[in-house]
Amino acid sequence: MLTRSPAAPDTRASRDRRRVAATALALVVALAASLVVAAPAQAAKLDPRLTQKLYVEKSGSAYDAARAARKAGRTATARKLEVISTTAQGKWIGDWTGTSTRSTVRTYVKKAAAAKRTPQLVLYAIPGRDCGGQSAGGLAATQYKAWVRQVAAGLKDGAVKGRSRALVVLEPDALMLDCADSSRYALLAYATRKLAATGAWVYIDAGHSNWRTPAETAKRLVKAGVRSARGFSTNVSNFNSTTAEKSYAAKVAAALAKKKITSGHRHFVIDTSRNGRHTAAGQWCNPPKQGLGRKPALSHAGGGLDAYLWVKRPGESDGACNGGPAAGQWWQAYALDLVRYRAR
């Protein structure tokens, strides 16, 4: 027959040891549970736009030129142009997109979403664009709001979980030019509200460090509806150093704070597409011997900086100046110089 071993005496010491062991086990379980919960909670704090890569579109002037060079057997030239074409750049949407505006935006943002990349748009159709300068044009005042609604509709069409994840730079130079007036401020504010309502992060263009004072820039940004925006952009299509632009942007943000603009609307992005040498000395229209700047990168280190972007598409002319073709036209010789003199 089976016999049962006598039970060990239940002394006070053994009871204490069991209580200590149980407490320790409970602490381990609680700690493990907290780690499981904390990890996704911490990750959720960062918007995907600050963690995933920017979308590289397989089209555009640089892309076409690189393909043509490779097809013609000019491999060395193709490789140089691919330094540009394989880098994320702004997708410019303007009066030239016409009735296809919504579908153009939709197609672009959907491709970016499928690739799990962040799309970046540049809107450029403000009435009286460039005050009649090298990039003159734009839509009529009666057409602009309807056009903005088409852009917004395209962003909604390509939304992720009901919210757009695009970065939108709004109307380079429009706010800072001398011809900016109350009607222009109103149009920019309207565009900011409509686009931001889709979930897009809107950055109203704020010129650059060699233009208006930070106080004047902040004043204009408030009029243009920065309270509805993510923030502002600087150095678009310009050549100033990143250091100078970061300093300028910080001062603009501080000036906005004085106007009671909260931190959620004081973020900024800097165009580094062509400031690799930053020796233009104030020239803005195709200055010679300039170079590509630092590659685009999102920032989640805190503070106001959201990203370094290539907003301007390198190789596209600033206008018929310094030997270049009309604004926006591909100029391969200039593109190759940008690659030659690029930041290393």
Protein backbone atom coordinates (compact mmCIF):
# COMPACT_ATOMS: atom_id res chain seq x y z
CA MET A 1 0.00 0.00 0.00
CA LEU A 2 1.04 3.56 -0.61
CA THR A 3 2.26 5.55 2.26
CA ARG A 4 2.16 9.36 2.49
CA SER A 5 5.27 11.23 3.57
CA PRO A 6 4.75 13.24 6.66
CA ALA A 7 4.15 16.95 5.96
CA ALA A 8 6.89 19.39 6.85
CA PRO A 9 6.04 21.43 9.90
CA ASP A 10 4.41 24.80 9.00
CA THR A 11 6.72 27.04 10.91
CA ARG A 12 6.61 30.86 11.03
CA ALA A 13 9.87 30.98 9.03
CA SER A 14 8.45 28.87 6.22
CA ARG A 15 5.29 31.00 6.08
CA ASP A 16 7.44 34.15 5.83
CA ARG A 17 9.44 32.62 3.00
CA ARG A 18 6.25 31.79 1.08
CA ARG A 19 4.94 35.35 1.54
CA VAL A 20 8.23 36.84 0.25
CA ALA A 21 8.21 34.49 -2.76
CA ALA A 22 4.58 35.34 -3.59
CA THR A 23 5.26 39.06 -3.31
CA ALA A 24 8.31 38.78 -5.56
CA LEU A 25 6.35 36.80 -8.14
CA ALA A 26 3.57 39.40 -8.12
CA LEU A 27 6.11 42.19 -8.68
CA VAL A 28 7.65 40.35 -11.62
CA VAL A 29 4.22 39.79 -13.21
CA ALA A 30 3.25 43.44 -12.66
CA LEU A 31 6.52 44.67 -14.14
CA ALA A 32 6.15 42.45 -17.22
CA ALA A 33 2.59 43.67 -17.73
CA SER A 34 3.65 47.29 -17.46
CA LEU A 35 6.33 46.78 -20.08
CA VAL A 36 3.86 45.17 -22.46
CA VAL A 37 1.44 48.06 -22.04
CA ALA A 38 4.06 50.83 -22.00
CA ALA A 39 5.79 49.86 -25.23
CA PRO A 40 2.85 50.42 -27.58
CA ALA A 41 1.72 53.45 -25.57
CA GLN A 42 5.12 55.07 -26.00
CA ALA A 43 5.21 54.23 -29.71
CA ALA A 44 1.75 55.71 -30.15
CA LYS A 45 3.03 59.11 -29.08
CA LEU A 46 4.98 59.51 -32.32
CA ASP A 47 3.00 60.19 -35.48
CA PRO A 48 4.08 57.88 -38.35
CA ARG A 49 5.14 60.98 -40.28
CA LEU A 50 7.99 61.38 -37.84
CA THR A 51 9.16 57.77 -38.04
CA GLN A 52 8.64 56.38 -41.53
CA LYS A 53 10.64 57.39 -44.58
CA LEU A 54 9.57 59.97 -47.15
CA TYR A 55 8.06 58.78 -50.41
CA VAL A 56 10.30 58.75 -53.50
CA GLU A 57 8.19 59.19 -56.62
CA LYS A 58 9.36 57.34 -59.73
CA SER A 59 8.63 60.21 -62.09
CA GLY A 60 9.61 63.80 -62.74
CA SER A 61 12.27 65.64 -64.69
CA ALA A 62 15.31 64.18 -62.91
CA TYR A 63 13.89 60.66 -63.09
CA ASP A 64 13.17 60.97 -66.81
CA ALA A 65 16.61 62.46 -67.51
CA ALA A 66 18.40 59.71 -65.60
CA ARG A 67 16.47 57.00 -67.47
CA ALA A 68 17.21 58.65 -70.81
CA ALA A 69 20.92 58.87 -70.02
CA ARG A 70 21.07 55.23 -68.98
CA LYS A 71 19.17 54.13 -72.08
CA ALA A 72 21.62 56.09 -74.25
CA GLY A 73 24.57 54.36 -72.60
CA ARG A 74 25.72 57.47 -70.72
CA THR A 75 26.11 55.56 -67.48
CA ALA A 76 28.27 58.12 -65.65
CA THR A 77 25.72 60.87 -66.31
CA ALA A 78 22.86 58.60 -65.28
CA ARG A 79 24.53 57.83 -61.97
CA LYS A 80 24.96 61.51 -61.22
CA LEU A 81 21.35 62.32 -62.04
CA GLU A 82 20.19 59.39 -59.92
CA VAL A 83 21.64 61.15 -56.89
CA ILE A 84 18.69 63.51 -57.40
CA SER A 85 16.05 61.18 -58.81
CA THR A 86 16.34 58.58 -56.04
CA THR A 87 15.86 61.17 -53.28
CA ALA A 88 12.45 62.19 -51.90
CA GLN A 89 11.27 65.56 -53.19
CA GLY A 90 8.14 67.69 -53.03
CA LYS A 91 5.30 66.93 -55.44
CA TRP A 92 4.30 70.35 -56.80
CA ILE A 93 0.60 70.88 -57.48
CA GLY A 94 -0.47 74.09 -59.24
CA ASP A 95 -2.73 75.69 -61.79
CA TRP A 96 -1.22 73.38 -64.43
CA THR A 97 -2.93 70.34 -62.88
CA GLY A 98 -6.33 71.80 -63.86
CA THR A 99 -9.29 69.45 -63.73
CA SER A 100 -7.04 66.51 -62.82
CA THR A 101 -5.97 68.08 -59.52
CA ARG A 102 -7.98 65.72 -57.32
CA SER A 103 -6.94 62.57 -59.19
CA THR A 104 -3.28 63.68 -59.30
CA VAL A 105 -3.21 64.18 -55.54
CA ARG A 106 -5.17 60.97 -54.88
CA THR A 107 -2.86 58.82 -57.02
CA TYR A 108 0.26 60.26 -55.43
CA VAL A 109 -0.81 59.89 -51.79
CA LYS A 110 -2.19 56.40 -52.39
CA LYS A 111 1.12 55.25 -53.86
CA ALA A 112 2.90 56.68 -50.84
CA ALA A 113 0.50 54.91 -48.46
CA ALA A 114 0.97 51.60 -50.28
CA ALA A 115 4.72 51.98 -49.88
CA LYS A 116 4.32 52.95 -46.20
CA ARG A 117 6.04 56.24 -46.92
CA THR A 118 5.15 59.86 -46.16
CA PRO A 119 4.02 61.99 -49.14
CA GLN A 120 5.03 65.63 -49.41
CA LEU A 121 3.07 68.11 -51.49
CA VAL A 122 3.83 71.70 -52.46
CA LEU A 123 0.87 73.89 -53.42
CA TYR A 124 1.65 76.69 -55.86
CA ALA A 125 -1.34 78.37 -57.46
CA ILE A 126 -2.02 81.52 -55.44
CA PRO A 127 -3.56 84.35 -57.51
CA GLY A 128 -0.88 86.81 -58.61
CA ARG A 129 1.84 84.24 -58.00
CA ASP A 130 5.34 85.67 -57.61
CA CYS A 131 3.87 89.17 -58.01
CA GLY A 132 4.31 88.76 -61.76
CA GLY A 133 8.00 87.74 -61.49
CA GLN A 134 9.86 84.74 -62.89
CA SER A 135 7.17 82.30 -61.68
CA ALA A 136 4.20 84.50 -62.59
CA GLY A 137 0.84 82.83 -62.95
CA GLY A 138 -1.58 81.20 -60.56
CA LEU A 139 -5.32 80.88 -60.55
CA ALA A 140 -7.92 83.62 -60.58
CA ALA A 141 -9.16 84.61 -57.13
CA THR A 142 -12.59 83.20 -58.02
CA GLN A 143 -11.07 79.78 -58.80
CA TYR A 144 -8.60 79.34 -55.94
CA LYS A 145 -10.93 78.10 -53.19
CA ALA A 146 -12.51 75.50 -55.47
CA TRP A 147 -9.03 74.31 -56.44
CA VAL A 148 -8.02 74.00 -52.77
CA ARG A 149 -11.13 71.90 -52.17
CA GLN A 150 -10.04 69.58 -54.96
CA VAL A 151 -6.63 69.16 -53.34
CA ALA A 152 -8.33 68.44 -50.01
CA ALA A 153 -10.62 65.90 -51.67
CA GLY A 154 -7.59 64.12 -53.15
CA LEU A 155 -5.96 64.01 -49.72
CA LYS A 156 -9.14 62.50 -48.24
CA ASP A 157 -9.31 59.94 -51.05
CA GLY A 158 -5.86 58.72 -50.10
CA ALA A 159 -6.30 58.99 -46.34
CA VAL A 160 -5.04 56.30 -43.97
CA LYS A 161 -7.67 55.30 -41.39
CA GLY A 162 -9.66 58.39 -42.26
CA ARG A 163 -6.82 60.90 -41.84
CA SER A 164 -4.32 62.21 -44.36
CA ARG A 165 -0.69 61.67 -43.45
CA ALA A 166 0.73 64.10 -45.97
CA LEU A 167 3.12 66.99 -45.41
CA VAL A 168 1.95 70.08 -47.31
CA VAL A 169 4.09 73.16 -47.95
CA LEU A 170 1.67 75.95 -48.75
CA GLU A 171 2.43 78.53 -51.44
CA PRO A 172 6.16 79.29 -51.43
CA ASP A 173 6.90 83.04 -51.18
CA ALA A 174 3.22 84.04 -51.28
CA LEU A 175 3.07 85.32 -47.73
CA MET A 176 6.36 87.20 -47.79
CA LEU A 177 6.22 89.08 -51.08
CA ASP A 178 5.44 92.81 -51.18
CA CYS A 179 2.19 92.19 -53.05
CA ALA A 180 0.73 90.15 -50.16
CA ASP A 181 -2.45 91.84 -48.94
CA SER A 182 -5.56 91.09 -46.90
CA SER A 183 -7.19 89.13 -49.71
CA ARG A 184 -4.12 86.91 -50.02
CA TYR A 185 -3.98 86.36 -46.27
CA ALA A 186 -7.63 85.30 -46.38
CA LEU A 187 -6.98 82.79 -49.18
CA LEU A 188 -4.00 81.31 -47.36
CA ALA A 189 -6.03 81.01 -44.16
CA TYR A 190 -8.84 79.29 -46.07
CA ALA A 191 -6.41 76.83 -47.67
CA THR A 192 -4.76 76.11 -44.33
CA ARG A 193 -8.08 75.28 -42.66
CA LYS A 194 -9.35 73.08 -45.50
CA LEU A 195 -6.14 71.11 -45.87
CA ALA A 196 -5.51 70.72 -42.14
CA ALA A 197 -9.07 69.38 -41.73
CA THR A 198 -8.04 66.30 -43.74
CA GLY A 199 -5.33 65.47 -41.22
CA ALA A 200 -2.48 66.83 -43.38
CA TRP A 201 0.30 68.73 -41.68
CA VAL A 202 0.30 72.15 -43.32
CA TYR A 203 3.40 74.35 -43.30
CA ILE A 204 2.75 77.92 -44.46
CA ASP A 205 5.81 79.18 -46.29
CA ALA A 206 7.70 81.78 -44.25
CA GLY A 207 10.44 82.87 -46.63
CA HIS A 208 14.00 82.63 -45.38
CA SER A 209 16.56 84.14 -43.03
CA ASN A 210 17.59 86.95 -45.41
CA TRP A 211 14.10 88.33 -45.96
CA ARG A 212 11.68 89.61 -43.29
CA THR A 213 12.40 89.93 -39.59
CA PRO A 214 11.15 87.09 -37.40
CA ALA A 215 8.64 89.46 -35.79
CA GLU A 216 7.23 90.54 -39.17
CA THR A 217 7.14 86.95 -40.37
CA ALA A 218 5.22 85.88 -37.28
CA LYS A 219 2.74 88.70 -37.79
CA ARG A 220 2.08 87.55 -41.35
CA LEU A 221 1.81 83.89 -40.34
CA VAL A 222 -0.91 84.73 -37.84
CA LYS A 223 -2.85 86.56 -40.54
CA ALA A 224 -2.44 83.54 -42.83
CA GLY A 225 -4.02 81.18 -40.32
CA VAL A 226 -1.06 79.50 -38.65
CA ARG A 227 -3.35 78.56 -35.74
CA SER A 228 -4.79 75.90 -38.04
CA ALA A 229 -1.41 74.80 -39.43
CA ARG A 230 1.27 72.48 -38.15
CA GLY A 231 3.66 75.40 -38.59
CA PHE A 232 5.79 76.93 -41.33
CA SER A 233 8.52 76.24 -43.89
CA THR A 234 11.75 78.11 -44.58
CA ASN A 235 14.41 78.37 -47.30
CA VAL A 236 12.13 76.97 -50.01
CA SER A 237 13.92 77.19 -53.38
CA ASN A 238 16.69 79.13 -51.67
CA PHE A 239 20.34 78.57 -50.83
CA ASN A 240 20.90 79.74 -47.25
CA SER A 241 22.77 77.57 -44.77
CA THR A 242 20.86 75.15 -42.60
CA THR A 243 22.39 76.75 -39.50
CA ALA A 244 21.08 80.19 -40.48
CA GLU A 245 17.63 78.79 -41.27
CA LYS A 246 17.36 76.89 -37.99
CA SER A 247 18.23 80.05 -36.10
CA TYR A 248 15.69 82.07 -38.10
CA ALA A 249 12.97 79.44 -37.63
CA ALA A 250 13.58 79.34 -33.88
CA LYS A 251 13.21 83.12 -33.70
CA VAL A 252 10.00 83.01 -35.75
CA ALA A 253 8.65 80.32 -33.42
CA ALA A 254 9.53 82.47 -30.41
CA ALA A 255 7.77 85.46 -31.99
CA LEU A 256 4.71 83.27 -32.59
CA ALA A 257 4.75 82.21 -28.94
CA LYS A 258 4.59 85.88 -27.95
CA LYS A 259 1.42 86.08 -30.03
CA LYS A 260 0.00 83.17 -28.01
CA ILE A 261 0.36 80.62 -30.81
CA THR A 262 0.67 77.29 -29.03
CA SER A 263 3.59 74.91 -29.52
CA GLY A 264 1.50 72.53 -31.66
CA HIS A 265 1.40 75.19 -34.37
CA ARG A 266 5.02 76.35 -34.22
CA HIS A 267 6.73 73.39 -35.93
CA PHE A 268 8.86 73.99 -39.01
CA VAL A 269 10.56 72.30 -41.95
CA ILE A 270 13.66 73.51 -43.78
CA ASP A 271 14.38 73.11 -47.49
CA THR A 272 17.94 71.78 -47.84
CA SER A 273 17.69 70.79 -51.51
CA ARG A 274 20.29 73.25 -52.79
CA ASN A 275 22.15 74.69 -49.80
CA GLY A 276 25.10 72.32 -49.78
CA ARG A 277 27.56 75.16 -50.31
CA HIS A 278 25.39 78.13 -49.21
CA THR A 279 27.59 80.61 -51.09
CA ALA A 280 24.86 82.32 -53.13
CA ALA A 281 25.24 85.52 -51.09
CA GLY A 282 21.62 86.53 -51.53
CA GLN A 283 21.22 85.45 -55.15
CA TRP A 284 18.09 83.37 -55.59
CA CYS A 285 17.81 82.84 -59.34
CA ASN A 286 20.10 80.04 -60.52
CA PRO A 287 23.27 81.20 -58.73
CA PRO A 288 26.25 79.26 -60.12
CA LYS A 289 28.26 76.54 -58.42
CA GLN A 290 25.70 75.62 -55.78
CA GLY A 291 25.30 72.10 -54.43
CA LEU A 292 22.73 69.68 -53.10
CA GLY A 293 22.24 69.96 -49.36
CA ARG A 294 21.72 67.33 -46.71
CA LYS A 295 19.38 64.50 -47.60
CA PRO A 296 15.76 64.75 -46.44
CA ALA A 297 15.15 63.40 -42.96
CA LEU A 298 12.34 63.53 -40.43
CA SER A 299 13.11 64.60 -36.89
CA HIS A 300 11.52 63.26 -33.72
CA ALA A 301 14.10 64.62 -31.32
CA GLY A 302 11.65 67.14 -29.93
CA GLY A 303 11.62 70.88 -30.37
CA GLY A 304 10.14 72.70 -33.34
CA LEU A 305 12.03 71.04 -36.20
CA ASP A 306 9.93 68.42 -37.99
CA ALA A 307 12.11 67.73 -41.02
CA TYR A 308 14.77 68.66 -43.50
CA LEU A 309 13.10 68.36 -46.90
CA TRP A 310 13.91 68.76 -50.56
CA VAL A 311 10.98 71.02 -51.33
CA LYS A 312 12.46 72.50 -54.49
CA ARG A 313 13.10 69.87 -57.14
CA PRO A 314 16.85 70.14 -57.89
CA GLY A 315 17.63 70.73 -61.55
CA GLU A 316 14.47 72.69 -62.30
CA SER A 317 15.25 76.29 -63.18
CA ASP A 318 14.39 79.29 -61.00
CA GLY A 319 13.71 81.33 -64.12
CA ALA A 320 15.24 82.82 -67.23
CA CYS A 321 18.30 84.14 -65.45
CA ASN A 322 22.00 83.25 -65.24
CA GLY A 323 21.63 81.27 -68.44
CA GLY A 324 18.69 79.17 -67.27
CA PRO A 325 15.41 78.34 -69.04
CA ALA A 326 11.98 79.45 -67.83
CA ALA A 327 10.99 78.76 -64.22
CA GLY A 328 10.27 75.10 -63.54
CA GLN A 329 11.96 73.82 -66.72
CA TRP A 330 14.58 71.09 -66.48
CA TRP A 331 18.16 72.36 -66.79
CA GLN A 332 20.50 69.41 -66.88
CA ALA A 333 23.77 71.33 -66.76
CA TYR A 334 22.66 73.01 -63.55
CA ALA A 335 21.49 69.68 -62.12
CA LEU A 336 24.89 68.13 -62.76
CA ASP A 337 26.59 71.07 -61.06
CA LEU A 338 24.36 70.59 -58.02
CA VAL A 339 25.54 66.98 -57.85
CA ARG A 340 29.16 67.97 -58.41
CA TYR A 341 29.18 70.52 -55.59
CA ARG A 342 26.88 68.62 -53.24
CA ALA A 343 27.42 68.36 -49.49
CA ARG A 344 29.41 65.23 -48.67
